[in-house]
Amino acid sequence: MIDKPVPAPAPEPDRTPRENSVLAEPATVEACARDYAAAADVRALLARQH
């Protein structure tokens, strides 16, 4: 009987905790307005697709 080679197991993914950029910034009216303004093109694109 010929033994088939056994593939090596996949390496474990890096699960090191990292700082979350969304949670790092406080939710202020100014920050929300900035995000809303920055996403205007995305909203327009989604509106055209609907």
PDB file of N, CA and C in Angstrom:
ATOM      1  N   MET A   1       0.839  -1.167   0.000  1.00  0.00           N
ATOM      2  CA  MET A   1       0.000   0.000   0.000  1.00  0.00           C
ATOM      3  C   MET A   1       0.895   1.246   0.000  1.00  0.00           C
ATOM      4  N   ILE A   2       0.499   2.249  -0.802  1.00  0.00           N
ATOM      5  CA  ILE A   2       1.282   3.484  -0.893  1.00  0.00           C
ATOM      6  C   ILE A   2       0.623   4.518   0.012  1.00  0.00           C
ATOM      7  N   ASP A   3       1.426   5.105   0.886  1.00  0.00           N
ATOM      8  CA  ASP A   3       0.915   6.152   1.770  1.00  0.00           C
ATOM      9  C   ASP A   3       0.863   7.477   1.022  1.00  0.00           C
ATOM     10  N   LYS A   4      -0.278   8.128   1.101  1.00  0.00           N
ATOM     11  CA  LYS A   4      -0.415   9.444   0.473  1.00  0.00           C
ATOM     12  C   LYS A   4       0.138  10.487   1.432  1.00  0.00           C
ATOM     13  N   PRO A   5       0.823  11.498   0.913  1.00  0.00           N
ATOM     14  CA  PRO A   5       1.342  12.545   1.811  1.00  0.00           C
ATOM     15  C   PRO A   5       0.176  13.323   2.441  1.00  0.00           C
ATOM     16  N   VAL A   6       0.323  13.628   3.683  1.00  0.00           N
ATOM     17  CA  VAL A   6      -0.699  14.383   4.414  1.00  0.00           C
ATOM     18  C   VAL A   6      -0.322  15.857   4.348  1.00  0.00           C
ATOM     19  N   PRO A   7      -1.242  16.702   3.839  1.00  0.00           N
ATOM     20  CA  PRO A   7      -0.910  18.134   3.755  1.00  0.00           C
ATOM     21  C   PRO A   7      -0.754  18.737   5.153  1.00  0.00           C
ATOM     22  N   ALA A   8       0.138  19.698   5.231  1.00  0.00           N
ATOM     23  CA  ALA A   8       0.359  20.389   6.506  1.00  0.00           C
ATOM     24  C   ALA A   8      -0.876  21.219   6.838  1.00  0.00           C
ATOM     25  N   PRO A   9      -1.227  21.310   8.106  1.00  0.00           N
ATOM     26  CA  PRO A   9      -2.402  22.129   8.463  1.00  0.00           C
ATOM     27  C   PRO A   9      -2.144  23.607   8.156  1.00  0.00           C
ATOM     28  N   ALA A  10      -3.217  24.308   7.847  1.00  0.00           N
ATOM     29  CA  ALA A  10      -3.107  25.742   7.554  1.00  0.00           C
ATOM     30  C   ALA A  10      -2.673  26.476   8.815  1.00  0.00           C
ATOM     31  N   PRO A  11      -1.855  27.510   8.654  1.00  0.00           N
ATOM     32  CA  PRO A  11      -1.434  28.271   9.837  1.00  0.00           C
ATOM     33  C   PRO A  11      -2.629  28.981  10.471  1.00  0.00           C
ATOM     34  N   GLU A  12      -2.575  29.144  11.762  1.00  0.00           N
ATOM     35  CA  GLU A  12      -3.646  29.838  12.479  1.00  0.00           C
ATOM     36  C   GLU A  12      -3.648  31.314  12.087  1.00  0.00           C
ATOM     37  N   PRO A  13      -4.833  31.899  11.865  1.00  0.00           N
ATOM     38  CA  PRO A  13      -4.878  33.336  11.553  1.00  0.00           C
ATOM     39  C   PRO A  13      -4.468  34.166  12.770  1.00  0.00           C
ATOM     40  N   ASP A  14      -3.965  35.355  12.497  1.00  0.00           N
ATOM     41  CA  ASP A  14      -3.562  36.256  13.576  1.00  0.00           C
ATOM     42  C   ASP A  14      -4.817  36.851  14.214  1.00  0.00           C
ATOM     43  N   ARG A  15      -5.053  36.509  15.450  1.00  0.00           N
ATOM     44  CA  ARG A  15      -6.252  37.002  16.158  1.00  0.00           C
ATOM     45  C   ARG A  15      -5.884  37.988  17.260  1.00  0.00           C
ATOM     46  N   THR A  16      -4.752  38.645  17.073  1.00  0.00           N
ATOM     47  CA  THR A  16      -4.309  39.621  18.056  1.00  0.00           C
ATOM     48  C   THR A  16      -5.287  40.790  18.084  1.00  0.00           C
ATOM     49  N   PRO A  17      -5.785  41.168  19.261  1.00  0.00           N
ATOM     50  CA  PRO A  17      -6.710  42.307  19.326  1.00  0.00           C
ATOM     51  C   PRO A  17      -6.025  43.584  18.829  1.00  0.00           C
ATOM     52  N   ARG A  18      -6.762  44.373  18.081  1.00  0.00           N
ATOM     53  CA  ARG A  18      -6.261  45.639  17.565  1.00  0.00           C
ATOM     54  C   ARG A  18      -7.237  46.749  17.936  1.00  0.00           C
ATOM     55  N   GLU A  19      -6.713  47.962  17.965  1.00  0.00           N
ATOM     56  CA  GLU A  19      -7.574  49.097  18.267  1.00  0.00           C
ATOM     57  C   GLU A  19      -8.565  49.280  17.130  1.00  0.00           C
ATOM     58  N   ASN A  20      -9.808  49.510  17.470  1.00  0.00           N
ATOM     59  CA  ASN A  20     -10.868  49.719  16.492  1.00  0.00           C
ATOM     60  C   ASN A  20     -10.963  51.215  16.223  1.00  0.00           C
ATOM     61  N   SER A  21     -10.717  51.624  14.978  1.00  0.00           N
ATOM     62  CA  SER A  21     -10.725  53.048  14.648  1.00  0.00           C
ATOM     63  C   SER A  21     -12.109  53.665  14.807  1.00  0.00           C
ATOM     64  N   VAL A  22     -13.166  52.866  14.636  1.00  0.00           N
ATOM     65  CA  VAL A  22     -14.521  53.380  14.799  1.00  0.00           C
ATOM     66  C   VAL A  22     -14.786  53.703  16.270  1.00  0.00           C
ATOM     67  N   LEU A  23     -14.337  52.824  17.142  1.00  0.00           N
ATOM     68  CA  LEU A  23     -14.574  53.035  18.571  1.00  0.00           C
ATOM     69  C   LEU A  23     -13.589  54.020  19.191  1.00  0.00           C
ATOM     70  N   ALA A  24     -12.477  54.293  18.515  1.00  0.00           N
ATOM     71  CA  ALA A  24     -11.455  55.187  19.065  1.00  0.00           C
ATOM     72  C   ALA A  24     -11.906  56.643  19.039  1.00  0.00           C
ATOM     73  N   GLU A  25     -12.809  56.981  18.114  1.00  0.00           N
ATOM     74  CA  GLU A  25     -13.268  58.361  17.991  1.00  0.00           C
ATOM     75  C   GLU A  25     -14.638  58.502  18.655  1.00  0.00           C
ATOM     76  N   PRO A  26     -14.812  59.520  19.483  1.00  0.00           N
ATOM     77  CA  PRO A  26     -16.132  59.695  20.105  1.00  0.00           C
ATOM     78  C   PRO A  26     -17.194  60.041  19.053  1.00  0.00           C
ATOM     79  N   ALA A  27     -18.409  59.610  19.294  1.00  0.00           N
ATOM     80  CA  ALA A  27     -19.520  59.888  18.375  1.00  0.00           C
ATOM     81  C   ALA A  27     -20.066  61.273  18.689  1.00  0.00           C
ATOM     82  N   THR A  28     -19.555  62.253  17.957  1.00  0.00           N
ATOM     83  CA  THR A  28     -20.026  63.625  18.130  1.00  0.00           C
ATOM     84  C   THR A  28     -20.834  64.016  16.892  1.00  0.00           C
ATOM     85  N   VAL A  29     -21.574  65.092  17.016  1.00  0.00           N
ATOM     86  CA  VAL A  29     -22.349  65.591  15.879  1.00  0.00           C
ATOM     87  C   VAL A  29     -21.403  65.945  14.732  1.00  0.00           C
ATOM     88  N   GLU A  30     -20.265  66.550  15.060  1.00  0.00           N
ATOM     89  CA  GLU A  30     -19.303  66.943  14.028  1.00  0.00           C
ATOM     90  C   GLU A  30     -18.738  65.714  13.314  1.00  0.00           C
ATOM     91  N   ALA A  31     -18.385  64.677  14.066  1.00  0.00           N
ATOM     92  CA  ALA A  31     -17.828  63.460  13.470  1.00  0.00           C
ATOM     93  C   ALA A  31     -18.867  62.782  12.577  1.00  0.00           C
ATOM     94  N   CYS A  32     -20.113  62.746  13.028  1.00  0.00           N
ATOM     95  CA  CYS A  32     -21.173  62.132  12.228  1.00  0.00           C
ATOM     96  C   CYS A  32     -21.416  62.940  10.952  1.00  0.00           C
ATOM     97  N   ALA A  33     -21.386  64.258  11.049  1.00  0.00           N
ATOM     98  CA  ALA A  33     -21.581  65.109   9.873  1.00  0.00           C
ATOM     99  C   ALA A  33     -20.448  64.898   8.876  1.00  0.00           C
ATOM    100  N   ARG A  34     -19.221  64.764   9.374  1.00  0.00           N
ATOM    101  CA  ARG A  34     -18.073  64.489   8.497  1.00  0.00           C
ATOM    102  C   ARG A  34     -18.254  63.169   7.765  1.00  0.00           C
ATOM    103  N   ASP A  35     -18.635  62.127   8.499  1.00  0.00           N
ATOM    104  CA  ASP A  35     -18.844  60.807   7.892  1.00  0.00           C
ATOM    105  C   ASP A  35     -19.962  60.855   6.855  1.00  0.00           C
ATOM    106  N   TYR A  36     -21.043  61.544   7.184  1.00  0.00           N
ATOM    107  CA  TYR A  36     -22.178  61.643   6.270  1.00  0.00           C
ATOM    108  C   TYR A  36     -21.766  62.361   4.986  1.00  0.00           C
ATOM    109  N   ALA A  37     -21.030  63.447   5.128  1.00  0.00           N
ATOM    110  CA  ALA A  37     -20.576  64.199   3.960  1.00  0.00           C
ATOM    111  C   ALA A  37     -19.602  63.378   3.126  1.00  0.00           C
ATOM    112  N   ALA A  38     -18.736  62.621   3.775  1.00  0.00           N
ATOM    113  CA  ALA A  38     -17.735  61.828   3.060  1.00  0.00           C
ATOM    114  C   ALA A  38     -18.379  60.689   2.274  1.00  0.00           C
ATOM    115  N   ALA A  39     -19.557  60.257   2.668  1.00  0.00           N
ATOM    116  CA  ALA A  39     -20.199  59.110   2.024  1.00  0.00           C
ATOM    117  C   ALA A  39     -21.273  59.524   1.012  1.00  0.00           C
ATOM    118  N   ALA A  40     -21.307  60.788   0.643  1.00  0.00           N
ATOM    119  CA  ALA A  40     -22.330  61.260  -0.290  1.00  0.00           C
ATOM    120  C   ALA A  40     -22.248  60.516  -1.618  1.00  0.00           C
ATOM    121  N   ASP A  41     -21.033  60.281  -2.109  1.00  0.00           N
ATOM    122  CA  ASP A  41     -20.885  59.576  -3.386  1.00  0.00           C
ATOM    123  C   ASP A  41     -21.368  58.133  -3.294  1.00  0.00           C
ATOM    124  N   VAL A  42     -21.167  57.505  -2.153  1.00  0.00           N
ATOM    125  CA  VAL A  42     -21.619  56.116  -1.966  1.00  0.00           C
ATOM    126  C   VAL A  42     -23.143  56.063  -1.954  1.00  0.00           C
ATOM    127  N   ARG A  43     -23.770  57.006  -1.262  1.00  0.00           N
ATOM    128  CA  ARG A  43     -25.233  57.040  -1.230  1.00  0.00           C
ATOM    129  C   ARG A  43     -25.797  57.293  -2.624  1.00  0.00           C
ATOM    130  N   ALA A  44     -25.162  58.165  -3.391  1.00  0.00           N
ATOM    131  CA  ALA A  44     -25.627  58.448  -4.746  1.00  0.00           C
ATOM    132  C   ALA A  44     -25.490  57.205  -5.623  1.00  0.00           C
ATOM    133  N   LEU A  45     -24.404  56.487  -5.498  1.00  0.00           N
ATOM    134  CA  LEU A  45     -24.203  55.267  -6.276  1.00  0.00           C
ATOM    135  C   LEU A  45     -25.260  54.230  -5.920  1.00  0.00           C
ATOM    136  N   LEU A  46     -25.525  54.059  -4.637  1.00  0.00           N
ATOM    137  CA  LEU A  46     -26.545  53.086  -4.217  1.00  0.00           C
ATOM    138  C   LEU A  46     -27.936  53.500  -4.699  1.00  0.00           C
ATOM    139  N   ALA A  47     -28.218  54.774  -4.711  1.00  0.00           N
ATOM    140  CA  ALA A  47     -29.522  55.246  -5.167  1.00  0.00           C
ATOM    141  C   ALA A  47     -29.708  54.937  -6.653  1.00  0.00           C
ATOM    142  N   ARG A  48     -28.638  55.057  -7.440  1.00  0.00           N
ATOM    143  CA  ARG A  48     -28.732  54.762  -8.878  1.00  0.00           C
ATOM    144  C   ARG A  48     -28.935  53.259  -9.129  1.00  0.00           C
ATOM    145  N   GLN A  49     -28.447  52.420  -8.229  1.00  0.00           N
ATOM    146  CA  GLN A  49     -28.560  50.981  -8.413  1.00  0.00           C
ATOM    147  C   GLN A  49     -29.912  50.442  -8.009  1.00  0.00           C
ATOM    148  N   HIS A  50     -30.643  51.190  -7.244  1.00  0.00           N
ATOM    149  CA  HIS A  50     -31.918  50.687  -6.715  1.00  0.00           C
ATOM    150  C   HIS A  50     -33.014  50.748  -7.719  1.00  0.00           C
TER     151      HIS A  50
END
